[in-house]
N, C-alpha and C. Protein backbone atom coordinates (compact mmCIF):
# COMPACT_ATOMS: atom_id res chain seq x y z
N MET A 1 -25.03 -9.59 -0.69
CA MET A 1 -24.34 -9.00 0.43
C MET A 1 -24.71 -9.79 1.68
N SER A 2 -23.75 -10.00 2.55
CA SER A 2 -24.02 -10.73 3.79
C SER A 2 -24.82 -9.85 4.75
N ALA A 3 -25.18 -10.43 5.88
CA ALA A 3 -25.97 -9.70 6.87
C ALA A 3 -25.24 -8.43 7.30
N ILE A 4 -26.01 -7.41 7.52
CA ILE A 4 -25.45 -6.12 7.92
C ILE A 4 -25.26 -6.10 9.44
N GLN A 5 -24.10 -5.66 9.87
CA GLN A 5 -23.83 -5.49 11.29
C GLN A 5 -23.60 -4.01 11.54
N LYS A 6 -24.24 -3.50 12.56
CA LYS A 6 -24.08 -2.09 12.88
C LYS A 6 -22.82 -1.88 13.70
N ARG A 7 -22.16 -0.75 13.44
CA ARG A 7 -20.96 -0.36 14.16
C ARG A 7 -21.07 1.13 14.49
N THR A 8 -20.47 1.51 15.57
CA THR A 8 -20.36 2.92 15.92
C THR A 8 -18.89 3.28 15.83
N VAL A 9 -18.57 4.34 15.10
CA VAL A 9 -17.18 4.75 14.95
C VAL A 9 -17.04 6.22 15.31
N SER A 10 -15.86 6.58 15.74
CA SER A 10 -15.53 7.98 16.01
C SER A 10 -14.58 8.46 14.92
N LEU A 11 -14.89 9.61 14.35
CA LEU A 11 -14.09 10.14 13.25
C LEU A 11 -13.63 11.55 13.56
N PRO A 12 -12.47 11.92 13.04
CA PRO A 12 -12.06 13.32 13.13
C PRO A 12 -13.03 14.18 12.32
N GLN A 13 -13.13 15.43 12.66
CA GLN A 13 -14.06 16.33 11.98
C GLN A 13 -13.85 16.35 10.47
N GLU A 14 -12.60 16.31 10.03
CA GLU A 14 -12.33 16.37 8.59
C GLU A 14 -12.91 15.16 7.86
N HIS A 15 -12.86 13.98 8.47
CA HIS A 15 -13.44 12.79 7.83
C HIS A 15 -14.96 12.85 7.84
N ALA A 16 -15.53 13.29 8.95
CA ALA A 16 -16.98 13.41 9.03
C ALA A 16 -17.49 14.42 7.99
N ALA A 17 -16.78 15.53 7.85
CA ALA A 17 -17.18 16.54 6.86
C ALA A 17 -17.05 16.00 5.44
N PHE A 18 -16.04 15.21 5.19
CA PHE A 18 -15.85 14.60 3.87
C PHE A 18 -17.02 13.68 3.55
N ILE A 19 -17.38 12.83 4.50
CA ILE A 19 -18.52 11.93 4.30
C ILE A 19 -19.79 12.74 4.05
N ASP A 20 -20.02 13.74 4.88
CA ASP A 20 -21.22 14.57 4.72
C ASP A 20 -21.27 15.23 3.35
N ARG A 21 -20.13 15.70 2.89
CA ARG A 21 -20.05 16.36 1.58
C ARG A 21 -20.39 15.37 0.45
N LEU A 22 -19.87 14.15 0.55
CA LEU A 22 -20.15 13.15 -0.48
C LEU A 22 -21.64 12.78 -0.51
N VAL A 23 -22.26 12.70 0.65
CA VAL A 23 -23.69 12.39 0.71
C VAL A 23 -24.50 13.58 0.20
N LYS A 24 -24.12 14.78 0.61
CA LYS A 24 -24.86 15.98 0.21
C LYS A 24 -24.83 16.19 -1.31
N THR A 25 -23.70 15.87 -1.95
CA THR A 25 -23.61 16.05 -3.40
C THR A 25 -24.34 14.96 -4.17
N GLY A 26 -24.77 13.92 -3.46
CA GLY A 26 -25.48 12.84 -4.12
C GLY A 26 -24.59 11.74 -4.66
N ALA A 27 -23.30 11.86 -4.40
CA ALA A 27 -22.38 10.82 -4.86
C ALA A 27 -22.68 9.49 -4.16
N TYR A 28 -23.15 9.58 -2.94
CA TYR A 28 -23.52 8.41 -2.15
C TYR A 28 -24.85 8.70 -1.47
N GLY A 29 -25.60 7.64 -1.20
CA GLY A 29 -26.91 7.81 -0.59
C GLY A 29 -26.88 7.95 0.92
N SER A 30 -25.79 7.51 1.53
CA SER A 30 -25.72 7.57 2.99
C SER A 30 -24.26 7.51 3.44
N ALA A 31 -24.05 7.84 4.70
CA ALA A 31 -22.71 7.74 5.27
C ALA A 31 -22.23 6.29 5.23
N SER A 32 -23.15 5.35 5.44
CA SER A 32 -22.78 3.93 5.40
C SER A 32 -22.25 3.53 4.03
N GLU A 33 -22.85 4.05 2.97
CA GLU A 33 -22.37 3.76 1.61
C GLU A 33 -20.96 4.29 1.41
N VAL A 34 -20.68 5.47 1.93
CA VAL A 34 -19.34 6.05 1.82
C VAL A 34 -18.32 5.17 2.53
N VAL A 35 -18.66 4.77 3.74
CA VAL A 35 -17.74 3.94 4.51
C VAL A 35 -17.53 2.59 3.83
N ARG A 36 -18.59 1.97 3.32
CA ARG A 36 -18.44 0.70 2.61
C ARG A 36 -17.54 0.85 1.39
N ALA A 37 -17.73 1.94 0.64
CA ALA A 37 -16.88 2.17 -0.54
C ALA A 37 -15.43 2.35 -0.13
N GLY A 38 -15.21 3.07 0.96
CA GLY A 38 -13.84 3.25 1.46
C GLY A 38 -13.21 1.94 1.89
N LEU A 39 -14.00 1.10 2.55
CA LEU A 39 -13.48 -0.21 2.98
C LEU A 39 -13.18 -1.11 1.79
N ARG A 40 -14.04 -1.07 0.76
CA ARG A 40 -13.76 -1.86 -0.45
C ARG A 40 -12.46 -1.39 -1.10
N ALA A 41 -12.26 -0.07 -1.17
CA ALA A 41 -11.02 0.46 -1.76
C ALA A 41 -9.81 0.03 -0.94
N LEU A 42 -9.94 0.03 0.36
CA LEU A 42 -8.84 -0.41 1.23
C LEU A 42 -8.55 -1.90 1.03
N GLN A 43 -9.59 -2.71 0.91
CA GLN A 43 -9.40 -4.14 0.65
C GLN A 43 -8.69 -4.35 -0.69
N GLU A 44 -9.10 -3.61 -1.71
CA GLU A 44 -8.47 -3.73 -3.03
C GLU A 44 -7.00 -3.32 -2.98
N ARG A 45 -6.71 -2.25 -2.27
CA ARG A 45 -5.33 -1.78 -2.15
C ARG A 45 -4.49 -2.81 -1.41
N ASP A 46 -5.02 -3.33 -0.29
CA ASP A 46 -4.28 -4.34 0.46
C ASP A 46 -4.03 -5.60 -0.37
N ALA A 47 -5.02 -6.01 -1.15
CA ALA A 47 -4.86 -7.18 -2.02
C ALA A 47 -3.78 -6.90 -3.08
N ALA A 48 -3.76 -5.69 -3.62
CA ALA A 48 -2.74 -5.33 -4.62
C ALA A 48 -1.35 -5.35 -4.00
N VAL A 49 -1.21 -4.86 -2.79
CA VAL A 49 0.09 -4.89 -2.11
C VAL A 49 0.52 -6.33 -1.86
N GLU A 50 -0.41 -7.17 -1.41
CA GLU A 50 -0.10 -8.58 -1.19
C GLU A 50 0.35 -9.27 -2.49
N ARG A 51 -0.36 -8.98 -3.59
CA ARG A 51 0.04 -9.56 -4.89
C ARG A 51 1.44 -9.11 -5.28
N TRP A 52 1.73 -7.82 -5.10
CA TRP A 52 3.04 -7.27 -5.43
C TRP A 52 4.13 -7.94 -4.58
N LEU A 53 3.86 -8.06 -3.29
CA LEU A 53 4.85 -8.71 -2.42
C LEU A 53 5.09 -10.15 -2.84
N ARG A 54 4.03 -10.87 -3.11
CA ARG A 54 4.13 -12.28 -3.48
C ARG A 54 4.76 -12.45 -4.87
N ASP A 55 4.27 -11.69 -5.85
CA ASP A 55 4.66 -11.90 -7.24
C ASP A 55 5.97 -11.22 -7.62
N GLU A 56 6.31 -10.14 -6.98
CA GLU A 56 7.51 -9.40 -7.37
C GLU A 56 8.60 -9.46 -6.29
N VAL A 57 8.27 -8.99 -5.10
CA VAL A 57 9.29 -8.86 -4.06
C VAL A 57 9.82 -10.22 -3.62
N ALA A 58 8.92 -11.15 -3.34
CA ALA A 58 9.37 -12.48 -2.88
C ALA A 58 10.23 -13.17 -3.93
N LYS A 59 9.82 -13.09 -5.18
CA LYS A 59 10.60 -13.72 -6.25
C LYS A 59 11.99 -13.08 -6.36
N THR A 60 12.04 -11.77 -6.24
CA THR A 60 13.32 -11.07 -6.32
C THR A 60 14.21 -11.46 -5.15
N CYS A 61 13.64 -11.54 -3.95
CA CYS A 61 14.41 -11.96 -2.77
C CYS A 61 14.94 -13.37 -2.95
N ASP A 62 14.10 -14.25 -3.50
CA ASP A 62 14.54 -15.63 -3.74
C ASP A 62 15.70 -15.66 -4.73
N LYS A 63 15.64 -14.86 -5.77
CA LYS A 63 16.72 -14.81 -6.76
C LYS A 63 18.01 -14.31 -6.13
N ILE A 64 17.90 -13.28 -5.28
CA ILE A 64 19.09 -12.74 -4.63
C ILE A 64 19.69 -13.77 -3.69
N ALA A 65 18.83 -14.45 -2.91
CA ALA A 65 19.32 -15.46 -1.97
C ALA A 65 19.96 -16.63 -2.69
N ALA A 66 19.49 -16.95 -3.88
CA ALA A 66 20.03 -18.07 -4.64
C ALA A 66 21.35 -17.74 -5.32
N ASP A 67 21.70 -16.46 -5.40
CA ASP A 67 22.93 -16.03 -6.07
C ASP A 67 24.11 -16.20 -5.12
N PRO A 68 24.98 -17.18 -5.37
CA PRO A 68 26.09 -17.42 -4.44
C PRO A 68 27.15 -16.32 -4.47
N ASP A 69 27.17 -15.54 -5.52
CA ASP A 69 28.19 -14.50 -5.63
C ASP A 69 27.55 -13.16 -5.27
N ARG A 70 27.52 -12.85 -3.98
CA ARG A 70 26.87 -11.62 -3.52
C ARG A 70 27.54 -10.37 -4.12
N SER A 71 28.83 -10.42 -4.36
CA SER A 71 29.49 -9.25 -4.92
C SER A 71 28.97 -8.97 -6.33
N SER A 72 28.58 -10.02 -7.03
CA SER A 72 28.01 -9.85 -8.36
C SER A 72 26.70 -9.05 -8.25
N TRP A 73 25.91 -9.40 -7.26
CA TRP A 73 24.65 -8.67 -7.05
C TRP A 73 24.93 -7.21 -6.72
N ARG A 74 25.92 -6.98 -5.86
CA ARG A 74 26.26 -5.60 -5.50
C ARG A 74 26.73 -4.81 -6.71
N MET A 75 27.49 -5.45 -7.59
CA MET A 75 27.96 -4.76 -8.79
C MET A 75 26.77 -4.39 -9.69
N ARG A 76 25.82 -5.31 -9.84
CA ARG A 76 24.63 -5.01 -10.65
C ARG A 76 23.83 -3.87 -10.00
N PHE A 77 23.74 -3.89 -8.68
CA PHE A 77 23.02 -2.84 -7.97
C PHE A 77 23.70 -1.50 -8.19
N ASN A 78 25.01 -1.46 -8.03
CA ASN A 78 25.76 -0.22 -8.21
C ASN A 78 25.61 0.33 -9.62
N SER A 79 25.66 -0.55 -10.60
CA SER A 79 25.55 -0.07 -11.97
C SER A 79 24.13 0.40 -12.27
N ALA A 80 23.15 -0.20 -11.62
CA ALA A 80 21.77 0.20 -11.87
C ALA A 80 21.42 1.50 -11.16
N PHE A 81 21.92 1.67 -9.93
CA PHE A 81 21.49 2.82 -9.13
C PHE A 81 22.60 3.82 -8.86
N GLY A 82 23.80 3.49 -9.20
CA GLY A 82 24.91 4.41 -9.01
C GLY A 82 25.51 4.32 -7.62
N ARG A 83 26.79 4.52 -7.57
CA ARG A 83 27.53 4.46 -6.30
C ARG A 83 27.08 5.55 -5.35
N ALA A 84 26.71 6.73 -5.87
CA ALA A 84 26.30 7.84 -5.02
C ALA A 84 25.09 7.47 -4.17
N THR A 85 24.18 6.67 -4.73
CA THR A 85 22.99 6.26 -3.99
C THR A 85 23.39 5.43 -2.79
N LEU A 86 24.32 4.50 -2.99
CA LEU A 86 24.78 3.67 -1.88
C LEU A 86 25.51 4.50 -0.84
N SER A 87 26.34 5.40 -1.29
CA SER A 87 27.09 6.25 -0.36
C SER A 87 26.16 7.12 0.46
N ALA A 88 25.15 7.67 -0.17
CA ALA A 88 24.19 8.52 0.54
C ALA A 88 23.42 7.70 1.57
N SER A 89 23.03 6.50 1.22
CA SER A 89 22.30 5.64 2.15
C SER A 89 23.17 5.28 3.33
N ALA A 90 24.43 4.96 3.08
CA ALA A 90 25.34 4.59 4.16
C ALA A 90 25.60 5.77 5.08
N ALA A 91 25.69 6.96 4.52
CA ALA A 91 25.95 8.16 5.32
C ALA A 91 24.78 8.48 6.25
N GLU A 92 23.55 8.15 5.82
CA GLU A 92 22.36 8.43 6.62
C GLU A 92 22.30 7.54 7.84
N GLN A 93 22.88 6.34 7.75
CA GLN A 93 22.80 5.37 8.87
C GLN A 93 23.84 5.67 9.85
């Protein structure tokens, strides 16, 4: 682990109580451990979202952009999700 840097944070009562409860039950040894675990989970989630965007969304966008027949894409979309979905989306806008 790299050098520890101290930080002071302000938390809503519900978050402070949650941390206190986790320490009191022995799940974590200190409030700092709870916060570090939360930050690791956030880093993992952000990395997963980045992977999904890179590996799935970007590739799909590239495929759609490369398709010269946009109406073909719309037909596939309509058959996959139904015309009602498109109509409902258009009505909301």
